[in-house]
């Protein structure tokens, strides 16, 4: 009987110890569930942040592409203007040669000398006007070249900014993964 009581006491103590361990395990399990919920919340926040960064990256890349296309279009316009300037220069040289030929003929034709001198003067005025126009177009071309250079510098700055955003997103992703891995360990 004594043995039975002692056995019963031992079993009761063991049952109490087991109940205590079950309670501790239940509490530990609840803590783990809360940590899991917190980790899931952080993952959702990081996912939203990543999506926002990816959207920003796509927007900046789109802007860069638009600016690049505009710069290419302006470069094509500048090339077309340069070609037009060359055409006008050639036409001006042709006209200058014609004027020289007419001047030689004026010297041979003394009867129409005064009339042809007036025509030559008129052509010289036109050449001066053309030269002024060419000079204005040259200045405009130089201004466009400066604008293109400025646009190129701006594009490089945006590309550098884009690289920084990509690096920041990568760093945040890595930190989030490390945090998640650390919480599960």
N, C-alpha and C. Protein backbone atom coordinates (compact mmCIF):
# COMPACT_ATOMS: atom_id res chain seq x y z
N UNK A 1 0.80 -1.17 0.00
CA UNK A 1 0.00 0.00 0.00
C UNK A 1 0.87 1.26 0.00
N UNK A 2 1.86 1.18 0.82
CA UNK A 2 2.81 2.27 0.89
C UNK A 2 3.44 2.49 -0.49
N UNK A 3 3.76 1.41 -1.14
CA UNK A 3 4.36 1.50 -2.46
C UNK A 3 3.36 2.12 -3.44
N UNK A 4 2.14 1.78 -3.29
CA UNK A 4 1.11 2.30 -4.18
C UNK A 4 0.96 3.81 -3.97
N UNK A 5 1.00 4.26 -2.71
CA UNK A 5 0.91 5.69 -2.45
C UNK A 5 2.12 6.43 -3.01
N UNK A 6 3.27 5.84 -2.80
CA UNK A 6 4.48 6.47 -3.30
C UNK A 6 4.46 6.50 -4.82
N UNK A 7 4.04 5.40 -5.42
CA UNK A 7 3.93 5.35 -6.88
C UNK A 7 2.94 6.41 -7.37
N UNK A 8 1.82 6.54 -6.63
CA UNK A 8 0.80 7.51 -6.98
C UNK A 8 1.36 8.93 -6.85
N UNK A 9 2.15 9.21 -5.80
CA UNK A 9 2.75 10.52 -5.61
C UNK A 9 3.75 10.82 -6.73
N UNK A 10 4.54 9.82 -7.09
CA UNK A 10 5.51 10.00 -8.16
C UNK A 10 4.81 10.31 -9.48
N UNK A 11 3.76 9.54 -9.74
CA UNK A 11 3.01 9.76 -10.98
C UNK A 11 2.34 11.13 -10.97
N UNK A 12 1.83 11.52 -9.83
CA UNK A 12 1.18 12.83 -9.72
C UNK A 12 2.20 13.95 -9.95
N UNK A 13 3.41 13.78 -9.34
CA UNK A 13 4.45 14.79 -9.53
C UNK A 13 4.87 14.83 -11.00
N UNK A 14 4.97 13.65 -11.59
CA UNK A 14 5.36 13.59 -13.01
C UNK A 14 4.27 14.22 -13.88
N UNK A 15 3.01 13.97 -13.54
CA UNK A 15 1.90 14.57 -14.30
C UNK A 15 1.92 16.10 -14.15
N UNK A 16 2.20 16.57 -12.94
CA UNK A 16 2.28 18.02 -12.72
C UNK A 16 3.42 18.63 -13.56
N UNK A 17 4.56 17.91 -13.56
CA UNK A 17 5.69 18.37 -14.36
C UNK A 17 5.32 18.40 -15.84
N UNK A 18 4.63 17.36 -16.31
CA UNK A 18 4.21 17.28 -17.72
C UNK A 18 3.21 18.40 -18.05
N UNK A 19 2.27 18.64 -17.13
CA UNK A 19 1.31 19.73 -17.37
C UNK A 19 2.03 21.08 -17.43
N UNK A 20 3.02 21.26 -16.57
CA UNK A 20 3.80 22.48 -16.57
C UNK A 20 4.54 22.64 -17.90
N UNK A 21 5.13 21.51 -18.38
CA UNK A 21 5.84 21.56 -19.67
C UNK A 21 4.86 21.85 -20.82
N UNK A 22 3.66 21.25 -20.75
CA UNK A 22 2.66 21.51 -21.79
C UNK A 22 2.28 22.99 -21.79
N UNK A 23 2.14 23.57 -20.61
CA UNK A 23 1.82 25.00 -20.51
C UNK A 23 2.93 25.86 -21.10
N UNK A 24 4.17 25.48 -20.77
CA UNK A 24 5.32 26.24 -21.31
C UNK A 24 5.39 26.10 -22.82
N UNK A 25 5.15 24.86 -23.30
CA UNK A 25 5.17 24.64 -24.76
C UNK A 25 4.05 25.43 -25.44
N UNK A 26 2.90 25.48 -24.82
CA UNK A 26 1.78 26.25 -25.37
C UNK A 26 2.12 27.74 -25.44
N UNK A 27 2.74 28.24 -24.37
CA UNK A 27 3.15 29.65 -24.36
C UNK A 27 4.21 29.90 -25.42
N UNK A 28 5.18 28.99 -25.52
CA UNK A 28 6.23 29.11 -26.53
C UNK A 28 5.62 29.07 -27.94
N UNK A 29 4.67 28.18 -28.13
CA UNK A 29 3.98 28.08 -29.43
C UNK A 29 3.26 29.39 -29.75
N UNK A 30 2.60 29.99 -28.78
CA UNK A 30 1.89 31.26 -28.99
C UNK A 30 2.89 32.36 -29.37
N UNK A 31 4.05 32.36 -28.70
CA UNK A 31 5.08 33.35 -29.04
C UNK A 31 5.56 33.16 -30.48
N UNK A 32 5.75 31.89 -30.85
CA UNK A 32 6.19 31.60 -32.22
C UNK A 32 5.14 32.05 -33.24
N UNK A 33 3.87 31.83 -32.93
CA UNK A 33 2.79 32.25 -33.83
C UNK A 33 2.81 33.77 -33.99
N UNK A 34 2.99 34.50 -32.85
CA UNK A 34 3.05 35.96 -32.92
C UNK A 34 4.26 36.42 -33.74
N UNK A 35 5.40 35.75 -33.54
CA UNK A 35 6.59 36.09 -34.33
C UNK A 35 6.35 35.82 -35.82
N UNK A 36 5.66 34.74 -36.11
CA UNK A 36 5.35 34.39 -37.50
C UNK A 36 4.43 35.45 -38.11
N UNK A 37 3.44 35.90 -37.38
CA UNK A 37 2.53 36.95 -37.87
C UNK A 37 3.32 38.24 -38.11
N UNK A 38 4.20 38.58 -37.16
CA UNK A 38 5.03 39.78 -37.31
C UNK A 38 5.92 39.67 -38.54
N UNK A 39 6.53 38.49 -38.74
CA UNK A 39 7.40 38.28 -39.90
C UNK A 39 6.59 38.40 -41.19
N UNK A 40 5.38 37.84 -41.20
CA UNK A 40 4.53 37.93 -42.40
C UNK A 40 4.15 39.38 -42.68
N UNK A 41 3.88 40.15 -41.62
CA UNK A 41 3.56 41.57 -41.79
C UNK A 41 4.75 42.32 -42.37
N UNK A 42 5.94 42.03 -41.83
CA UNK A 42 7.14 42.68 -42.36
C UNK A 42 7.39 42.29 -43.81
N UNK A 43 7.15 41.02 -44.14
CA UNK A 43 7.32 40.57 -45.52
C UNK A 43 6.35 41.32 -46.44
N UNK A 44 5.12 41.49 -45.99
CA UNK A 44 4.14 42.21 -46.81
C UNK A 44 4.57 43.66 -47.00
N UNK A 45 5.06 44.29 -45.90
CA UNK A 45 5.55 45.67 -46.00
C UNK A 45 6.73 45.77 -46.95
N UNK A 46 7.65 44.82 -46.82
CA UNK A 46 8.82 44.83 -47.72
C UNK A 46 8.40 44.58 -49.16
N UNK A 47 7.42 43.70 -49.36
CA UNK A 47 6.93 43.44 -50.72
C UNK A 47 6.31 44.70 -51.32
N UNK A 48 5.54 45.42 -50.51
CA UNK A 48 4.93 46.66 -50.99
C UNK A 48 6.02 47.69 -51.31
N UNK A 49 7.02 47.78 -50.44
CA UNK A 49 8.13 48.72 -50.68
C UNK A 49 8.88 48.34 -51.95
N UNK A 50 9.10 47.04 -52.13
CA UNK A 50 9.79 46.58 -53.34
C UNK A 50 8.99 46.93 -54.58
N UNK A 51 7.66 46.70 -54.54
CA UNK A 51 6.82 47.04 -55.69
C UNK A 51 6.87 48.54 -55.97
N UNK A 52 6.84 49.34 -54.90
CA UNK A 52 6.91 50.80 -55.09
C UNK A 52 8.24 51.19 -55.72
N UNK A 53 9.32 50.58 -55.25
CA UNK A 53 10.63 50.88 -55.83
C UNK A 53 10.70 50.42 -57.28
N UNK A 54 10.14 49.27 -57.57
CA UNK A 54 10.14 48.79 -58.95
C UNK A 54 9.32 49.70 -59.86
N UNK A 55 8.19 50.19 -59.34
CA UNK A 55 7.38 51.13 -60.13
C UNK A 55 8.15 52.43 -60.37
N UNK A 56 8.82 52.92 -59.33
CA UNK A 56 9.63 54.14 -59.47
C UNK A 56 10.74 53.92 -60.48
N UNK A 57 11.37 52.75 -60.40
CA UNK A 57 12.43 52.42 -61.35
C UNK A 57 11.89 52.40 -62.78
N UNK A 58 10.72 51.80 -62.97
CA UNK A 58 10.12 51.75 -64.30
C UNK A 58 9.77 53.16 -64.79
N UNK A 59 9.27 54.01 -63.88
CA UNK A 59 8.92 55.38 -64.25
C UNK A 59 10.16 56.17 -64.67
N UNK A 60 11.22 56.05 -63.87
CA UNK A 60 12.46 56.76 -64.18
C UNK A 60 13.06 56.26 -65.49
N UNK A 61 13.01 54.93 -65.70
CA UNK A 61 13.53 54.37 -66.95
C UNK A 61 12.70 54.89 -68.13
N UNK A 62 11.39 54.99 -67.95
CA UNK A 62 10.53 55.53 -69.01
C UNK A 62 10.87 56.98 -69.32
N UNK A 63 11.08 57.77 -68.27
CA UNK A 63 11.46 59.17 -68.48
C UNK A 63 12.79 59.26 -69.22
N UNK A 64 13.73 58.40 -68.81
CA UNK A 64 15.04 58.41 -69.46
C UNK A 64 14.89 58.07 -70.94
N UNK A 65 14.05 57.08 -71.25
CA UNK A 65 13.84 56.70 -72.65
C UNK A 65 13.22 57.85 -73.45
N UNK A 66 12.26 58.55 -72.84
CA UNK A 66 11.62 59.68 -73.51
C UNK A 66 12.65 60.78 -73.77
N UNK A 67 13.48 61.05 -72.76
CA UNK A 67 14.50 62.09 -72.93
C UNK A 67 15.53 61.68 -73.97
N UNK A 68 15.88 60.40 -73.97
CA UNK A 68 16.84 59.93 -74.96
C UNK A 68 16.26 60.09 -76.37
N UNK A 69 14.99 59.73 -76.54
CA UNK A 69 14.34 59.86 -77.85
C UNK A 69 14.29 61.32 -78.28
N UNK A 70 13.98 62.20 -77.32
CA UNK A 70 13.94 63.64 -77.65
C UNK A 70 15.32 64.14 -78.03
N UNK A 71 16.35 63.68 -77.33
CA UNK A 71 17.72 64.10 -77.66
C UNK A 71 18.11 63.60 -79.04
N UNK A 72 17.74 62.37 -79.35
CA UNK A 72 18.05 61.83 -80.68
C UNK A 72 17.32 62.61 -81.76
N UNK A 73 16.07 62.98 -81.48
CA UNK A 73 15.30 63.76 -82.45
C UNK A 73 15.94 65.13 -82.67
N UNK A 74 16.38 65.77 -81.58
CA UNK A 74 17.04 67.07 -81.71
C UNK A 74 18.35 66.94 -82.46
N UNK A 75 19.06 65.83 -82.23
CA UNK A 75 20.32 65.61 -82.96
C UNK A 75 20.05 65.46 -84.45
N UNK A 76 18.98 64.75 -84.78
CA UNK A 76 18.62 64.61 -86.20
C UNK A 76 18.24 65.96 -86.81
N UNK A 77 17.51 66.76 -86.03
CA UNK A 77 17.16 68.09 -86.51
C UNK A 77 18.41 68.93 -86.73
N UNK A 78 19.37 68.83 -85.81
CA UNK A 78 20.61 69.59 -85.95
C UNK A 78 21.38 69.13 -87.19
N UNK A 79 21.40 67.82 -87.45
CA UNK A 79 22.07 67.32 -88.64
C UNK A 79 21.38 67.84 -89.91
N UNK A 80 20.04 67.85 -89.88
CA UNK A 80 19.30 68.36 -91.05
C UNK A 80 19.61 69.84 -91.26
N UNK A 81 19.69 70.59 -90.18
CA UNK A 81 20.00 72.02 -90.31
C UNK A 81 21.43 72.22 -90.82
N UNK A 82 22.34 71.35 -90.36
CA UNK A 82 23.72 71.46 -90.85
C UNK A 82 23.77 71.17 -92.36
N UNK A 83 23.00 70.17 -92.79
CA UNK A 83 22.95 69.85 -94.22
C UNK A 83 22.35 71.02 -95.01
N UNK A 84 21.31 71.63 -94.47
CA UNK A 84 20.70 72.79 -95.12
C UNK A 84 21.69 73.95 -95.18
N UNK A 85 22.43 74.14 -94.11
CA UNK A 85 23.44 75.19 -94.07
C UNK A 85 24.50 74.95 -95.14
N UNK A 86 24.93 73.71 -95.28
CA UNK A 86 25.91 73.38 -96.32
C UNK A 86 25.34 73.63 -97.71
N UNK A 87 24.06 73.27 -97.90
CA UNK A 87 23.42 73.51 -99.20
C UNK A 87 23.36 75.00 -99.51
N UNK A 88 23.00 75.79 -98.49
CA UNK A 88 22.95 77.24 -98.68
C UNK A 88 24.35 77.82 -98.96
N UNK A 89 25.36 77.28 -98.28
CA UNK A 89 26.73 77.75 -98.50
C UNK A 89 27.16 77.45 -99.94
N UNK A 90 26.84 76.25 -100.41
CA UNK A 90 27.17 75.88 -101.79
C UNK A 90 26.43 76.78 -102.77
N UNK A 91 25.15 77.03 -102.49
CA UNK A 91 24.37 77.91 -103.37
C UNK A 91 24.96 79.32 -103.36
N UNK A 92 25.40 79.76 -102.19
CA UNK A 92 26.01 81.08 -102.09
C UNK A 92 27.32 81.14 -102.90
N UNK A 93 28.12 80.10 -102.82
CA UNK A 93 29.36 80.05 -103.60
C UNK A 93 29.06 80.05 -105.10
N UNK A 94 28.01 79.28 -105.46
CA UNK A 94 27.60 79.28 -106.88
C UNK A 94 27.18 80.68 -107.32
N UNK A 95 26.44 81.36 -106.50
CA UNK A 95 26.00 82.71 -106.84
C UNK A 95 27.19 83.67 -106.91
N UNK A 96 28.15 83.45 -106.01
CA UNK A 96 29.34 84.31 -106.04
C UNK A 96 30.10 84.11 -107.35
N UNK A 97 30.20 82.86 -107.81
CA UNK A 97 30.86 82.60 -109.10
C UNK A 97 30.10 83.24 -110.26
N UNK A 98 28.77 83.16 -110.18
CA UNK A 98 27.95 83.80 -111.21
C UNK A 98 28.19 85.31 -111.23
N UNK A 99 28.29 85.89 -110.02
CA UNK A 99 28.51 87.34 -109.93
C UNK A 99 29.85 87.72 -110.56
N UNK A 100 30.86 86.89 -110.34
CA UNK A 100 32.17 87.17 -110.95
C UNK A 100 32.09 87.12 -112.48
N UNK A 101 31.36 86.12 -112.97
CA UNK A 101 31.17 86.03 -114.43
C UNK A 101 30.45 87.24 -114.98
N UNK A 102 29.44 87.67 -114.25
CA UNK A 102 28.70 88.85 -114.69
C UNK A 102 29.56 90.11 -114.62
N UNK A 103 30.42 90.17 -113.62
CA UNK A 103 31.31 91.33 -113.51
C UNK A 103 32.26 91.40 -114.70
N UNK A 104 32.79 90.25 -115.11
CA UNK A 104 33.68 90.22 -116.29
C UNK A 104 32.93 90.67 -117.53
N UNK A 105 31.69 90.24 -117.64
CA UNK A 105 30.91 90.64 -118.81
C UNK A 105 30.60 92.13 -118.75
N UNK A 106 30.38 92.66 -117.54
CA UNK A 106 30.12 94.09 -117.39
C UNK A 106 31.29 94.92 -117.92
N UNK A 107 32.49 94.42 -117.64
CA UNK A 107 33.67 95.15 -118.13
C UNK A 107 33.74 95.15 -119.67
N UNK A 108 33.28 94.06 -120.28
CA UNK A 108 33.31 93.99 -121.75
C UNK A 108 32.18 94.80 -122.37
N UNK A 109 31.11 94.99 -121.65
CA UNK A 109 29.95 95.69 -122.24
C UNK A 109 29.82 97.08 -121.62
N UNK A 110 30.46 98.04 -122.16
CA UNK A 110 30.44 99.39 -121.60
C UNK A 110 29.08 100.07 -121.78
N UNK A 111 28.31 99.67 -122.78
CA UNK A 111 27.02 100.32 -123.02
C UNK A 111 26.03 100.02 -121.91
N UNK A 112 26.11 98.84 -121.32
CA UNK A 112 25.14 98.46 -120.26
C UNK A 112 25.80 98.44 -118.88
N UNK A 113 26.91 99.13 -118.74
CA UNK A 113 27.69 99.11 -117.51
C UNK A 113 26.86 99.55 -116.30
N UNK A 114 26.16 100.66 -116.38
CA UNK A 114 25.43 101.19 -115.23
C UNK A 114 24.29 100.26 -114.81
N UNK A 115 23.61 99.71 -115.78
CA UNK A 115 22.49 98.79 -115.46
C UNK A 115 23.00 97.53 -114.76
N UNK A 116 24.09 96.97 -115.27
CA UNK A 116 24.63 95.75 -114.69
C UNK A 116 25.26 96.01 -113.32
N UNK A 117 25.83 97.21 -113.11
CA UNK A 117 26.36 97.55 -111.79
C UNK A 117 25.24 97.55 -110.74
N UNK A 118 24.07 98.05 -111.14
CA UNK A 118 22.93 98.07 -110.21
C UNK A 118 22.50 96.63 -109.85
N UNK A 119 22.49 95.75 -110.86
CA UNK A 119 22.14 94.35 -110.60
C UNK A 119 23.16 93.69 -109.66
N UNK A 120 24.43 93.99 -109.92
CA UNK A 120 25.47 93.41 -109.08
C UNK A 120 25.32 93.90 -107.63
N UNK A 121 25.01 95.18 -107.47
CA UNK A 121 24.81 95.72 -106.13
C UNK A 121 23.65 95.01 -105.44
N UNK A 122 22.59 94.79 -106.18
CA UNK A 122 21.44 94.06 -105.65
C UNK A 122 21.84 92.66 -105.20
N UNK A 123 22.63 91.98 -106.00
CA UNK A 123 23.07 90.62 -105.65
C UNK A 123 23.99 90.63 -104.43
N UNK A 124 24.81 91.66 -104.31
CA UNK A 124 25.69 91.75 -103.15
C UNK A 124 24.88 91.94 -101.86
N UNK A 125 23.83 92.74 -101.96
CA UNK A 125 22.95 92.93 -100.80
C UNK A 125 22.32 91.59 -100.40
N UNK A 126 21.89 90.84 -101.42
CA UNK A 126 21.30 89.53 -101.14
C UNK A 126 22.31 88.60 -100.49
N UNK A 127 23.57 88.66 -100.95
CA UNK A 127 24.61 87.82 -100.36
C UNK A 127 24.86 88.20 -98.90
N UNK A 128 24.86 89.50 -98.63
CA UNK A 128 25.05 89.95 -97.25
C UNK A 128 23.89 89.44 -96.38
N UNK A 129 22.67 89.55 -96.93
CA UNK A 129 21.51 89.06 -96.19
C UNK A 129 21.62 87.56 -95.95
N UNK A 130 22.04 86.83 -96.97
CA UNK A 130 22.24 85.38 -96.82
C UNK A 130 23.33 85.08 -95.81
N UNK A 131 24.41 85.86 -95.86
CA UNK A 131 25.49 85.66 -94.90
C UNK A 131 24.98 85.91 -93.48
N UNK A 132 24.16 86.96 -93.31
CA UNK A 132 23.56 87.23 -92.00
C UNK A 132 22.67 86.07 -91.56
N UNK A 133 21.88 85.56 -92.49
CA UNK A 133 21.01 84.42 -92.18
C UNK A 133 21.84 83.21 -91.79
N UNK A 134 22.91 82.97 -92.56
CA UNK A 134 23.80 81.85 -92.24
C UNK A 134 24.42 82.02 -90.86
N UNK A 135 24.81 83.23 -90.55
CA UNK A 135 25.41 83.48 -89.25
C UNK A 135 24.39 83.23 -88.14
N UNK A 136 23.15 83.70 -88.35
CA UNK A 136 22.09 83.46 -87.35
C UNK A 136 21.83 81.97 -87.19
N UNK A 137 21.81 81.24 -88.30
CA UNK A 137 21.59 79.79 -88.21
C UNK A 137 22.76 79.11 -87.53
N UNK A 138 23.98 79.62 -87.76
CA UNK A 138 25.15 79.07 -87.08
C UNK A 138 25.04 79.27 -85.57
N UNK A 139 24.58 80.45 -85.15
CA UNK A 139 24.40 80.72 -83.72
C UNK A 139 23.32 79.80 -83.15
N UNK A 140 22.22 79.66 -83.88
CA UNK A 140 21.14 78.78 -83.43
C UNK A 140 21.63 77.34 -83.33
N UNK A 141 22.45 76.92 -84.28
CA UNK A 141 22.99 75.56 -84.25
C UNK A 141 23.88 75.37 -83.03
N UNK A 142 24.69 76.37 -82.71
CA UNK A 142 25.54 76.28 -81.53
C UNK A 142 24.70 76.20 -80.25
N UNK A 143 23.61 76.97 -80.20
CA UNK A 143 22.73 76.91 -79.03
C UNK A 143 22.10 75.54 -78.89
N UNK A 144 21.72 74.94 -79.97
CA UNK A 144 21.14 73.59 -79.93
C UNK A 144 22.17 72.56 -79.50
N UNK A 145 23.41 72.75 -79.94
CA UNK A 145 24.47 71.83 -79.51
C UNK A 145 24.67 71.91 -78.00
N UNK A 146 24.64 73.13 -77.45
CA UNK A 146 24.76 73.31 -76.01
C UNK A 146 23.58 72.66 -75.30
N UNK A 147 22.37 72.85 -75.85
CA UNK A 147 21.18 72.23 -75.26
C UNK A 147 21.30 70.72 -75.28
N UNK A 148 21.81 70.17 -76.36
CA UNK A 148 22.00 68.71 -76.45
C UNK A 148 23.01 68.23 -75.42
N UNK A 149 24.08 68.98 -75.24
CA UNK A 149 25.07 68.61 -74.23
C UNK A 149 24.45 68.65 -72.84
N UNK A 150 23.64 69.68 -72.57
CA UNK A 150 22.96 69.77 -71.27
C UNK A 150 22.02 68.60 -71.06
N UNK A 151 21.30 68.23 -72.13
CA UNK A 151 20.38 67.09 -72.03
C UNK A 151 21.16 65.80 -71.79
N UNK A 152 22.33 65.68 -72.41
CA UNK A 152 23.17 64.49 -72.19
C UNK A 152 23.61 64.42 -70.73
N UNK A 153 24.01 65.56 -70.16
CA UNK A 153 24.43 65.58 -68.76
C UNK A 153 23.26 65.23 -67.85
N UNK A 154 22.08 65.78 -68.15
CA UNK A 154 20.89 65.47 -67.36
C UNK A 154 20.55 63.99 -67.44
N UNK A 155 20.69 63.42 -68.62
CA UNK A 155 20.41 61.99 -68.80
C UNK A 155 21.38 61.16 -67.97
N UNK A 156 22.67 61.55 -67.95
CA UNK A 156 23.64 60.81 -67.15
C UNK A 156 23.30 60.91 -65.66
N UNK A 157 22.84 62.08 -65.22
CA UNK A 157 22.45 62.23 -63.81
C UNK A 157 21.28 61.32 -63.47
N UNK A 158 20.31 61.24 -64.37
CA UNK A 158 19.14 60.38 -64.12
C UNK A 158 19.55 58.91 -64.12
N UNK A 159 20.48 58.56 -64.99
CA UNK A 159 20.96 57.17 -65.01
C UNK A 159 21.67 56.85 -63.69
N UNK A 160 22.46 57.81 -63.18
CA UNK A 160 23.15 57.60 -61.90
C UNK A 160 22.11 57.47 -60.78
N UNK A 161 21.07 58.32 -60.81
CA UNK A 161 20.00 58.24 -59.82
C UNK A 161 19.29 56.90 -59.90
N UNK A 162 19.06 56.42 -61.11
CA UNK A 162 18.41 55.12 -61.31
C UNK A 162 19.28 54.01 -60.72
N UNK A 163 20.58 54.08 -60.94
CA UNK A 163 21.49 53.07 -60.39
C UNK A 163 21.45 53.09 -58.87
N UNK A 164 21.37 54.29 -58.29
CA UNK A 164 21.30 54.41 -56.83
C UNK A 164 20.01 53.79 -56.31
N UNK A 165 18.90 54.04 -56.98
CA UNK A 165 17.62 53.45 -56.57
C UNK A 165 17.66 51.93 -56.66
N UNK A 166 18.25 51.41 -57.73
CA UNK A 166 18.36 49.97 -57.89
C UNK A 166 19.22 49.37 -56.77
N UNK A 167 20.32 50.03 -56.43
CA UNK A 167 21.20 49.54 -55.37
C UNK A 167 20.48 49.59 -54.03
N UNK A 168 19.74 50.66 -53.77
CA UNK A 168 18.99 50.77 -52.52
C UNK A 168 17.94 49.67 -52.42
N UNK A 169 17.26 49.39 -53.50
CA UNK A 169 16.24 48.33 -53.52
C UNK A 169 16.89 46.98 -53.26
N UNK A 170 18.05 46.74 -53.88
CA UNK A 170 18.74 45.47 -53.69
C UNK A 170 19.17 45.34 -52.24
N UNK A 171 19.70 46.41 -51.65
CA UNK A 171 20.15 46.38 -50.25
C UNK A 171 18.97 46.12 -49.32
N UNK A 172 17.85 46.77 -49.55
CA UNK A 172 16.67 46.55 -48.72
C UNK A 172 16.16 45.12 -48.83
N UNK A 173 16.19 44.57 -50.04
CA UNK A 173 15.77 43.19 -50.24
C UNK A 173 16.66 42.24 -49.44
N UNK A 174 17.99 42.49 -49.52
CA UNK A 174 18.93 41.62 -48.81
C UNK A 174 18.72 41.73 -47.30
N UNK A 175 18.52 42.95 -46.80
CA UNK A 175 18.31 43.13 -45.37
C UNK A 175 17.01 42.46 -44.92
N UNK A 176 15.98 42.56 -45.75
CA UNK A 176 14.71 41.92 -45.41
C UNK A 176 14.88 40.41 -45.36
N UNK A 177 15.60 39.87 -46.31
CA UNK A 177 15.82 38.43 -46.33
C UNK A 177 16.64 38.00 -45.12
N UNK A 178 17.65 38.81 -44.75
CA UNK A 178 18.45 38.48 -43.57
C UNK A 178 17.57 38.55 -42.31
N UNK A 179 16.70 39.56 -42.22
CA UNK A 179 15.82 39.71 -41.05
C UNK A 179 14.87 38.51 -40.95
N UNK A 180 14.34 38.13 -42.06
CA UNK A 180 13.40 37.00 -42.08
C UNK A 180 14.13 35.72 -41.70
N UNK A 181 15.31 35.53 -42.28
CA UNK A 181 16.09 34.34 -41.97
C UNK A 181 16.48 34.34 -40.49
N UNK A 182 16.83 35.49 -39.96
CA UNK A 182 17.21 35.60 -38.55
C UNK A 182 16.05 35.31 -37.64
N UNK A 183 14.84 35.70 -37.99
CA UNK A 183 13.67 35.46 -37.15
C UNK A 183 13.25 34.00 -37.17
N UNK A 184 13.52 33.31 -38.20
CA UNK A 184 13.13 31.90 -38.30
C UNK A 184 14.18 30.97 -37.69
N UNK A 185 15.36 31.50 -37.46
CA UNK A 185 16.43 30.65 -36.88
C UNK A 185 16.33 30.53 -35.41
